[in-house]
Every structure is written in C-alpha cells, then in structure tokens.
Protein backbone atom coordinates (compact mmCIF):
# COMPACT_ATOMS: atom_id res chain seq x y z
CA MET A 1 78.72 205.62 -85.51
CA ILE A 2 80.79 202.51 -86.23
CA THR A 3 83.82 204.26 -84.80
CA LYS A 4 81.96 205.01 -81.58
CA ILE A 5 80.78 201.41 -81.25
CA THR A 6 84.29 200.13 -81.88
CA THR A 7 85.73 202.53 -79.30
CA PHE A 8 83.10 201.48 -76.72
CA ALA A 9 83.82 197.80 -77.33
CA LEU A 10 87.54 198.44 -76.94
CA ILE A 11 86.96 200.20 -73.62
CA LEU A 12 84.86 197.30 -72.37
CA LEU A 13 87.57 194.90 -73.42
CA ILE A 14 90.21 196.84 -71.49
CA VAL A 15 87.96 196.97 -68.41
CA SER A 16 87.33 193.24 -68.64
CA VAL A 17 91.06 192.51 -68.70
CA THR A 18 92.06 194.93 -65.90
CA ALA A 19 89.05 194.95 -63.59
CA LEU A 20 88.15 191.26 -63.84
CA PRO A 21 91.45 189.46 -63.24
CA ALA A 22 89.72 186.54 -61.52
CA LEU A 23 87.15 185.81 -64.16
CA GLY A 24 88.21 182.21 -64.69
CA GLU A 25 87.54 179.18 -62.57
CA ASP A 26 90.88 179.32 -60.72
CA ASP A 27 89.98 182.21 -58.42
CA GLU A 28 86.23 182.44 -58.21
CA THR A 29 86.18 183.88 -54.71
CA ASN A 30 87.30 187.34 -55.82
CA PHE A 31 85.19 187.30 -58.96
CA ILE A 32 83.43 190.55 -59.82
CA ALA A 33 80.16 189.66 -61.52
CA LEU A 34 79.61 190.61 -65.13
CA ASP A 35 77.02 193.20 -65.87
CA HIS A 36 73.60 191.58 -66.00
CA GLY A 37 73.37 192.53 -69.65
CA TYR A 38 75.85 189.75 -70.39
CA THR A 39 74.37 187.10 -68.09
CA VAL A 40 71.04 185.48 -67.43
CA ASP A 41 69.80 184.05 -64.12
CA TYR A 42 67.73 180.88 -64.38
CA TYR A 43 67.64 179.69 -60.79
CA LYS A 44 67.85 181.03 -57.28
CA SER A 45 69.08 178.62 -54.61
CA TYR A 46 68.15 178.73 -50.92
CA GLY A 47 71.09 177.58 -48.86
CA ALA A 48 74.40 178.62 -47.28
CA PRO A 49 77.22 177.11 -45.21
CA VAL A 50 76.49 176.31 -41.57
CA ILE A 51 79.76 176.21 -39.62
CA GLN A 52 79.85 174.38 -36.30
CA ALA A 53 82.75 173.84 -33.91
CA SER A 54 83.51 171.52 -31.01
CA ILE A 55 86.53 170.22 -29.08
CA THR A 56 87.98 166.87 -30.04
CA GLY A 57 88.86 164.92 -26.91
CA ASP A 58 88.35 165.78 -23.27
CA PRO A 59 87.17 169.38 -22.74
CA VAL A 60 88.04 169.21 -19.02
CA LEU A 61 91.39 170.84 -18.24
CA GLU A 62 93.47 171.08 -15.09
CA ARG A 63 94.87 174.13 -13.36
CA GLY A 64 98.36 175.00 -14.56
CA GLU A 65 97.97 172.83 -17.65
CA THR A 66 99.29 173.79 -21.07
CA ALA A 67 97.02 172.04 -23.55
CA ASP A 68 97.10 171.47 -27.28
CA LEU A 69 93.44 172.16 -28.03
CA LYS A 70 92.02 170.37 -31.08
CA ILE A 71 88.92 172.04 -32.45
CA LYS A 72 86.82 170.29 -35.06
CA ILE A 73 84.90 172.54 -37.42
CA ALA A 74 82.17 171.04 -39.58
CA ASN A 75 80.07 172.40 -42.42
CA ALA A 76 76.46 171.35 -41.94
CA GLY A 77 75.07 173.59 -44.68
CA SER A 78 72.17 172.36 -46.80
CA ILE A 79 70.01 173.57 -49.66
CA SER A 80 66.35 173.93 -48.81
CA GLY A 81 65.24 174.42 -52.38
CA PHE A 82 65.50 176.15 -55.76
CA LYS A 83 63.32 178.70 -57.47
CA ARG A 84 63.02 178.83 -61.27
CA LEU A 85 63.24 182.42 -62.41
CA ASN A 86 61.52 183.89 -65.45
CA ALA A 87 64.59 184.23 -67.62
CA ASN A 88 65.41 183.29 -71.19
CA GLN A 89 67.85 184.02 -73.92
CA LYS A 90 66.93 185.13 -77.37
CA ARG A 91 67.65 182.95 -80.34
CA ILE A 92 67.95 179.76 -78.26
CA ASN A 93 65.65 176.80 -78.58
CA ASP A 94 63.51 176.25 -75.49
CA SER A 95 64.66 172.68 -74.95
CA ILE A 96 68.30 173.67 -75.24
CA GLU A 97 67.75 176.62 -72.93
CA GLU A 98 66.16 174.38 -70.32
CA THR A 99 69.24 172.13 -70.43
CA ILE A 100 71.41 175.21 -69.90
CA ALA A 101 69.16 176.27 -67.00
CA LEU A 102 69.48 172.86 -65.32
CA LYS A 103 73.28 173.09 -65.57
CA GLU A 104 73.14 176.44 -63.79
CA MET A 105 71.03 174.87 -61.07
CA GLY A 106 73.76 172.28 -60.60
CA GLU A 107 76.32 175.06 -60.18
CA GLU A 108 74.08 176.67 -57.57
CA GLU A 109 74.66 173.67 -55.32
CA GLU A 110 78.08 175.10 -54.41
CA CYS A 111 76.34 177.75 -52.31
CA THR A 112 76.91 175.61 -49.21
CA THR A 113 80.71 175.48 -49.63
CA ALA A 114 82.66 177.83 -47.34
CA LYS A 115 85.80 179.28 -48.92
CA ASN A 116 88.83 181.13 -47.56
CA ILE A 117 88.01 180.31 -43.94
CA GLU A 118 89.90 182.31 -41.32
CA ALA A 119 89.62 181.42 -37.61
CA THR A 120 91.23 182.95 -34.51
CA LEU A 121 90.74 181.54 -31.01
CA GLN A 122 90.10 184.10 -28.26
CA SER A 123 89.77 184.00 -24.48
CA GLU A 124 87.73 186.48 -22.48
CA THR A 125 89.07 185.41 -19.09
CA LYS A 126 92.45 186.14 -17.54
CA TYR A 127 92.65 182.55 -16.31
CA ILE A 128 93.03 181.08 -19.81
CA GLU A 129 95.69 182.35 -22.20
CA VAL A 130 95.71 181.53 -25.91
CA GLU A 131 99.27 181.47 -27.20
CA SER A 132 99.72 183.94 -30.04
CA THR A 133 101.95 181.65 -32.10
CA GLY A 134 99.74 179.78 -34.55
CA ASN A 135 96.60 181.45 -33.24
CA PHE A 136 95.48 182.58 -36.71
CA GLN A 137 94.55 179.62 -38.93
CA ASN A 138 92.90 179.37 -42.31
CA LEU A 139 91.41 176.77 -44.64
CA GLU A 140 91.02 177.04 -48.40
CA GLU A 141 87.52 175.59 -48.40
CA LEU A 142 85.16 173.32 -46.53
CA GLU A 143 82.39 171.59 -48.40
CA THR A 144 79.12 170.70 -46.76
CA GLY A 145 79.27 167.42 -44.89
CA HIS A 146 83.02 167.72 -44.36
CA ILE A 147 85.11 168.47 -41.26
CA ALA A 148 88.54 169.96 -40.58
CA LEU A 149 90.79 170.18 -37.51
CA LEU A 150 92.24 173.36 -36.08
CA SER A 151 94.93 173.25 -33.40
CA TYR A 152 95.55 175.92 -30.76
CA SER A 153 97.77 176.01 -27.68
CA ILE A 154 96.28 177.36 -24.44
CA LYS A 155 97.55 177.70 -20.88
CA VAL A 156 95.36 177.47 -17.77
CA ASP A 157 96.35 179.62 -14.80
CA GLY A 158 97.33 177.67 -11.71
CA ASN A 159 94.90 179.69 -9.59
CA ALA A 160 91.95 179.52 -11.97
CA PRO A 161 88.61 178.84 -10.25
CA SER A 162 87.05 175.55 -11.26
CA GLY A 163 83.94 175.59 -13.42
CA ASN A 164 82.73 176.10 -16.96
CA TYR A 165 84.27 178.58 -19.40
CA GLU A 166 83.74 179.58 -23.03
CA LEU A 167 86.41 180.33 -25.61
CA LEU A 168 85.40 182.34 -28.66
CA LEU A 169 86.23 181.34 -32.23
CA PRO A 170 85.43 184.16 -34.69
CA VAL A 171 85.23 182.60 -38.17
CA THR A 172 85.20 184.59 -41.41
CA TYR A 173 84.46 182.90 -44.73
CA GLN A 174 83.01 183.50 -48.18
CA TYR A 175 80.32 181.57 -49.97
CA GLN A 176 78.66 181.62 -53.34
CA SER A 177 75.46 183.65 -53.19
CA ASN A 178 74.40 183.39 -56.84
CA VAL A 179 75.34 181.90 -60.19
CA ARG A 180 74.42 183.51 -63.49
CA THR A 181 74.88 181.95 -66.90
CA VAL A 182 77.12 183.96 -69.24
CA THR A 183 75.42 184.66 -72.56
CA ALA A 184 76.99 184.68 -75.98
CA ASP A 185 77.00 188.48 -75.88
CA ALA A 186 80.01 188.32 -73.52
CA VAL A 187 82.13 187.40 -76.51
CA ASN A 188 81.84 191.04 -77.54
CA LEU A 189 83.86 191.84 -74.40
CA GLY A 190 86.59 189.46 -75.45
CA ILE A 191 85.54 186.94 -72.79
CA THR A 192 85.62 183.31 -73.86
CA ASP A 193 85.61 179.91 -72.14
CA VAL A 194 83.62 181.32 -69.20
CA ASP A 195 80.24 179.73 -68.62
CA TYR A 196 79.15 181.32 -65.36
CA ALA A 197 79.45 184.54 -63.41
CA ARG A 198 79.58 183.86 -59.66
CA GLU A 199 78.67 186.25 -56.89
CA TYR A 200 80.11 185.79 -53.38
CA LYS A 201 79.26 187.10 -49.94
CA THR A 202 81.47 187.33 -46.87
CA LYS A 203 80.17 186.21 -43.50
CA THR A 204 81.67 186.48 -40.02
CA GLU A 205 80.26 184.58 -37.08
CA THR A 206 81.57 183.83 -33.60
CA LEU A 207 81.42 180.24 -32.45
CA LYS A 208 81.54 179.35 -28.76
CA ILE A 209 83.87 176.62 -27.51
CA PRO A 210 82.87 175.33 -24.05
CA ILE A 211 85.59 173.96 -21.76
CA SER A 212 85.79 173.17 -18.05
CA ILE A 213 88.49 173.56 -15.43
CA LYS A 214 88.59 170.59 -13.14
CA SER A 215 87.88 170.99 -9.45
CA GLU A 216 90.77 169.69 -7.35
CA PRO A 217 92.32 170.24 -3.90
CA LYS A 218 95.06 172.76 -3.22
CA PHE A 219 97.20 172.78 -0.09
CA GLU A 220 99.20 175.25 1.94
CA VAL A 221 101.29 174.95 5.11
CA THR A 222 99.56 176.92 7.87
CA ASN A 223 101.75 176.10 10.88
CA VAL A 224 105.08 174.50 11.84
CA SER A 225 105.95 173.74 15.47
CA GLY A 226 109.03 172.20 17.05
CA ASN A 227 112.75 172.99 16.89
CA LEU A 228 115.67 170.88 15.84
CA MET A 229 118.77 170.37 17.99
CA GLN A 230 122.31 169.62 16.94
CA GLY A 231 123.01 165.92 17.23
CA GLU A 232 119.47 165.10 18.38
CA SER A 233 116.18 163.77 16.96
CA LYS A 234 113.20 166.03 17.46
CA VAL A 235 109.52 165.84 16.48
CA VAL A 236 108.34 168.56 14.09
CA ASN A 237 104.61 169.12 13.53
CA VAL A 238 103.50 170.44 10.13
CA THR A 239 99.88 171.53 9.60
CA TYR A 240 98.39 171.44 6.09
CA LYS A 241 95.15 173.07 4.91
CA ASN A 242 93.00 172.15 1.90
CA THR A 243 92.08 175.57 0.50
CA ARG A 244 90.00 174.39 -2.45
CA GLU A 245 86.52 173.00 -3.04
CA THR A 246 87.20 169.26 -3.41
CA VAL A 247 88.08 166.60 -0.85
CA ALA A 248 91.53 165.03 -1.03
CA LYS A 249 91.03 161.33 -0.41
CA ASP A 250 93.49 159.09 1.44
CA ALA A 251 96.15 161.79 1.64
CA PHE A 252 99.79 161.28 2.64
CA ALA A 253 102.17 164.09 3.64
CA ARG A 254 105.85 163.78 2.78
CA ILE A 255 108.92 165.87 3.59
CA ILE A 256 112.16 165.76 1.62
CA VAL A 257 115.23 166.33 3.81
CA MET A 258 118.90 166.30 2.92
CA SER A 259 122.16 166.32 4.89
CA PRO A 260 122.76 167.50 7.60
CA LEU A 261 119.14 166.55 8.33
CA SER A 262 117.68 163.06 8.11
CA THR A 263 114.55 161.13 8.97
CA GLU A 264 113.65 157.48 9.13
CA LYS A 265 110.00 158.06 8.23
CA ALA A 266 109.43 160.78 5.62
CA THR A 267 105.76 159.97 4.90
CA VAL A 268 102.79 160.32 7.27
CA ARG A 269 99.21 159.32 6.48
CA LEU A 270 96.63 162.07 6.95
CA GLY A 271 93.49 160.39 5.57
CA ASP A 272 90.74 162.37 3.82
CA ILE A 273 91.10 166.16 3.95
CA ASP A 274 87.85 168.02 3.30
CA PRO A 275 87.68 171.52 1.76
CA GLY A 276 88.85 174.05 4.33
CA GLU A 277 90.05 171.33 6.72
CA GLU A 278 93.48 171.30 8.39
CA LYS A 279 95.45 168.23 9.38
CA THR A 280 98.81 167.91 11.12
CA ALA A 281 101.63 165.49 10.33
CA SER A 282 104.38 164.73 12.85
CA PHE A 283 107.86 164.00 11.52
CA GLU A 284 110.87 162.94 13.58
CA VAL A 285 113.93 164.70 12.17
CA LYS A 286 117.53 164.29 13.28
CA ALA A 287 120.24 166.92 12.81
CA ASP A 288 123.94 166.10 12.65
CA SER A 289 126.00 167.25 15.63
CA ASP A 290 128.07 169.53 13.40
CA ALA A 291 125.06 171.00 11.58
CA ILE A 292 125.18 174.79 11.22
CA VAL A 293 122.73 176.62 13.43
CA LYS A 294 120.20 178.28 11.07
CA LYS A 295 116.72 177.88 9.60
CA TYR A 296 116.50 174.99 7.13
CA GLY A 297 113.92 175.03 4.34
CA VAL A 298 112.74 171.58 3.30
CA ASN A 299 110.24 170.64 0.59
CA SER A 300 106.96 168.95 1.34
CA GLU A 301 104.12 167.58 -0.79
CA ILE A 302 100.85 165.71 -0.41
CA LYS A 303 99.83 162.65 -2.38
CA TYR A 304 96.09 161.98 -2.64
CA LEU A 305 93.34 160.40 -4.74
CA ASP A 306 91.07 162.63 -6.82
CA ASP A 307 87.36 162.12 -7.57
CA ASP A 308 88.23 159.70 -10.38
CA GLY A 309 90.42 157.58 -8.11
CA ASP A 310 93.61 158.73 -9.82
CA THR A 311 96.75 159.42 -7.78
CA LYS A 312 97.69 163.09 -7.70
CA PHE A 313 100.47 165.12 -6.13
CA SER A 314 100.18 168.64 -4.76
CA GLU A 315 102.54 171.44 -5.64
CA SER A 316 105.75 171.50 -3.60
CA MET A 317 105.43 173.46 -0.35
CA LYS A 318 108.27 174.96 1.69
CA VAL A 319 108.59 174.03 5.38
CA ASP A 320 111.01 176.08 7.51
CA LEU A 321 112.73 174.14 10.29
CA PRO A 322 114.89 176.18 12.74
CA LEU A 323 117.96 174.43 14.17
CA LYS A 324 119.29 175.36 17.64
CA ALA A 325 122.66 174.67 19.25
CA THR A 326 122.90 171.84 21.75
CA GLU A 327 122.54 173.06 25.35
CA GLN A 328 125.72 172.60 27.40
CA LYS A 329 124.74 170.37 30.35
CA PHE A 330 126.85 168.35 32.83
CA SER A 331 125.96 164.73 33.05
CA ILE A 332 126.00 162.75 36.33
CA THR A 333 129.10 160.96 35.17
CA GLY A 334 130.80 164.27 34.43
CA ILE A 335 129.91 165.61 37.86
CA ALA A 336 131.22 162.44 39.53
CA ILE A 337 134.52 162.68 37.67
CA LEU A 338 134.81 166.33 38.59
CA LEU A 339 134.22 165.49 42.29
CA ILE A 340 136.86 162.77 42.15
CA ILE A 341 139.33 165.23 40.65
CA VAL A 342 138.55 167.82 43.35
CA ILE A 343 138.92 165.22 46.16
CA ALA A 344 142.16 164.00 44.64
CA LEU A 345 143.51 167.53 44.48
CA TYR A 346 142.41 168.10 48.08
CA GLN A 347 144.20 164.94 49.21
CA ILE A 348 147.35 165.94 47.41
CA VAL A 349 147.31 169.38 48.97
CA SER A 350 146.63 167.90 52.44
CA VAL A 351 149.50 165.43 52.14
CA HIS A 352 151.78 168.20 50.95
CA ARG A 353 150.85 170.40 53.91
CA LYS A 354 151.42 167.59 56.45
CA ARG A 355 154.80 166.85 54.94
CA ASN A 356 155.82 170.49 55.24
CA GLN A 357 154.71 170.58 58.88
CA ASN A 358 156.71 167.43 59.68
CA ASP A 359 159.79 168.92 58.04
CA GLU A 360 159.43 172.06 60.13
CA ASN A 361 159.11 170.03 63.38
CA VAL A 362 162.22 168.02 62.62
CA SER A 363 164.20 171.15 61.88
CA GLY A 364 163.14 172.69 65.24
CA ASP A 365 164.30 169.68 67.27
CA GLU A 366 167.76 169.80 65.76
CA ASN A 367 168.17 173.48 66.63
CA GLU A 368 167.48 172.81 70.23
C-alpha cells in the first residue's frame, strides 16, 4: 500500500513539473490550474477588462493622404462586487482562515487587467488601405484605468468619396477569471512557494474606429480652344469643371509654360466654382518664331480656399496647346517693293529695246 502511495505521489510530482511549467508568478497567463483538491476558493469576483479605442488627433482625413494613425486604447474595467463562498480548510483557525480569504479577495482584483493584448487594424473599404508593415501590434498588459497608444499607417485613395467610414480593430486578450488559494496539501506534489492558482480566459472583441474623409473640390479640364502661331501671341481658352461636392471659393487658374512658349500673365481669377460648375480662363500665350510645329502639353492647376478658409491647390492638370506654322502672307510694303522691281525691270528692258532699234537705224543709213 505504501509503495502504491509513493508511486502515485511520484507520478503527480512528475506531472506537476512537466505539465505545469508556468506555475510561478512569472508567467501566470499560461497557468494551468491545480486540481481543486489542492486549492480552496474563498471569493468570486464580478468584473473583467473593458477595452475601448479612439483616435488621438483629428479623425478627418483628406483624399490621397497617407496618415500615421494614432489609436488610443483604454481599459475601463471595474469590479462590481465580490461573493464570499462557503469554503474552508481543515486544521486552520477561523480567524487565520479569514485573513487568508481576504488576501485571496485582494488577488481577485486583478480580474480587470488585460494581458497579452494583440490588435490588428483592418479596413473593409477599398478606399482605405492599411499598410501591412507594423499592422500587428501587441501589449504585455493594460491595467484598468490605464491607456496605451497604437500606431498604424493608412493610405486614403485619391478618388475616395467623402463621408464617414469605420475601421475595425479586432483585439484579443486574456484576463484572470478566478483565483484559488493553494492549500498545504500541494506540498505533497512538490509545489512550494506558490500561494495561488490562477485561471485565465481569452476574449476577442472587435472595436470600431470611426474616421471621416473630407469633402473637397476636384477639377478637370473639359475644353481647350484656340491655336498658337509661330512668332505670335494668341489667346487660349481653358475650361475647368468642379466635379466634386464642395464649392471652391475664390479660385485662380494658373498655367505653367516653358520655352519656346511664354506668357506675361499666367494666373487668371475664376471666382467661386460650385459643384458641377464650369468656368473658363483666357490666357495669352506667345510662341517663339522658331518653335517646332507640334502639340505642346503644359501643366495647369487651380488655387482655392476650402470650407475652413485654408488655401488649397488642385492636382496638376494637363492642357494640350497645338502650335501651327505662320501663314505666308505678302505685306503692303512687300507688294510695293515687288512692283518697283517689276517697273524697274520693265524700264531697263524698254531702254535696251530702244537702244537696239536706234543702232539698227544708224546701220541702215550708212549702207545707203
């Protein structure tokens, strides 16, 4: 009988060493609870972590923006109460046991601490991309009443519709669900210097992160009229359209030309441009006389004030300007010179003819 008991105790000892590697205080999260025969439960706590998340800073983003998103997570967990359980240990004085029970209740207060937190930001819309690098983030623990910052990089599509969006932040964490006091009988398992057996639960919840994409104008060139001429200044009309949902206030159109083209006035005021409205800017552009005949592409942009009164610039737009060769025309002066030359030639020929006739007449008289 003694041999059997000794063998059983040895088996339990081996199991305790191999199956309970995290029995101490250093790694309580992975702790596998001792059999209830070696623990006693004095108190049950009612509480758990409550994880909340929000953006730090301005949640309003702009189209085409790459933003470093700072998300604040907070633990607002609280304990609503404790329940004293009908538990006791043999051979322990009641007053001493009550002191032990109160110590366990103090350990139960850790039920609101979230441990091994893992968070990954996700986007459900094609207009917002969460960069994969650094997307997975983790925290060792977050006690109740404390906050931590997570940082993610996102990119907003340049054609994203304005409005409200939600990013998803799935968060997985573990928390202490129960604490049991280890009895003296655990010494028979070879376990010493361990006062409590802790049980943990894993919880996954998805937090919603609201953001907004700012409404702003967007422009496109809808028409270009007018042709350039070599060596001449010509007026070119460029029509712009506001294709978005917000008015562009006090707008100015500008073209950027380079040699062999030039202009004395590159900026034209358009005024307010309402959503869907078109306005035309007239630019006087000069082409050098030796400019190559072809279609020139010049850049154009619009400067305007947004709803907050801040100065904004549109994306660069391409304006195609065709260049034609100078028409060959005779001026009045040229025609006059040509007439003078013709008359002069006529006079020379007439004089030459008269001289020949005179020479012939003189020769005839001598022969007679």
